[in-house]
Amino acid sequence: MRPTTAQLPGGGRSILPEHRVVALYGHPGVDELGILGIGSPQRAAGRLDDIAGDYGGPGLRPIMPAFELITPLVLASPGEDGMYRKRLDDAVIARYHEAAREADALLILDIQPGRADFMDEARALERWLKEPDVSLALDPEWHMGPGEVPGKSIGSVDAATVNEVSQYLSDLVRREHLPQKLLLLHRFTDDMIEGEDQLRTRPGLAIVENVDGFGTPPAKISKYDRFTDQRDGLFQGFKLFFEEDTDLMSPNDVLGLRPRVDVVIYE
């Protein structure tokens, strides 16, 4: 049994709302999927340190840096098992986990499930989710129904599925005496999270609705205003794209958003 003294990077047992999380996103060796996958994990850690530093300062929340690593990665073809996704080898995840620990950062595992179930993919990552510094993200854009193909359909997830995953993760936190974990929910369309008013908060979790989608600052801010959920217990995330965004928003721009952004992700 893991002792109750298990700590987060930098100490403590709670991520939000005490901190602001700043993360790099990506998949190893696939440059177009984000900066995290460009070069070595150690190189990414150096870039993360530079970016995260722009969000700190007097009167601001302390920064919790993070890697958001895609696993499994959605595929345009069925793959060996017909699920349109490919899991990362544990050895690769271990490299990023080690680099995150060296940088006093979280590791967030981002599920792009294809036609697989979110719960099956979460359970497949349990070895890592038992670690005190590993959290989880769900990417409904890449959750395909029968007959749907990634890249040709935009996926979604219903609240019941999210609640099942959040209950599983909350139970894991309790059973293993772990610090708080993030559960990120990515979205950029109105129906990407079906029945979102039925989302449940859970002990030991900080559930974040992360507003995705690239574009101009006015378009991104409009989407943030539309999707942010101000119910007690849910937190706000915002994603920036180095390549796809037009006139990349500055840290000061992001810090000026209301409600305040709890998680900032760079792809």
Foldseek 3Di string as FASTA:
>chain_A
DADLLAAAQVGDQEQPPQAFEEEWEDEAPDPVGTDCNPDFVLVVLVVQVVQQVLQDDPPGHHYAYEYEYEAFAAAQALPPVGFRTDGDDPVVVVRNVVSCNVSSHAYEYEYLGRQDAPVVRVVVCVVVLLHQRYAYEYEQQRHDHPPDGRPRGGGAEEQVSVQVVQVVSLVSCVVSSHGAHEYEYEDADPRRYPPVVPHDAHPRYAYEDAHDDAEEVVVQLVSQVVPDDPDPRHAYHYEWEPPRHDPTDGSVRQCPRPPHHRYYYYD
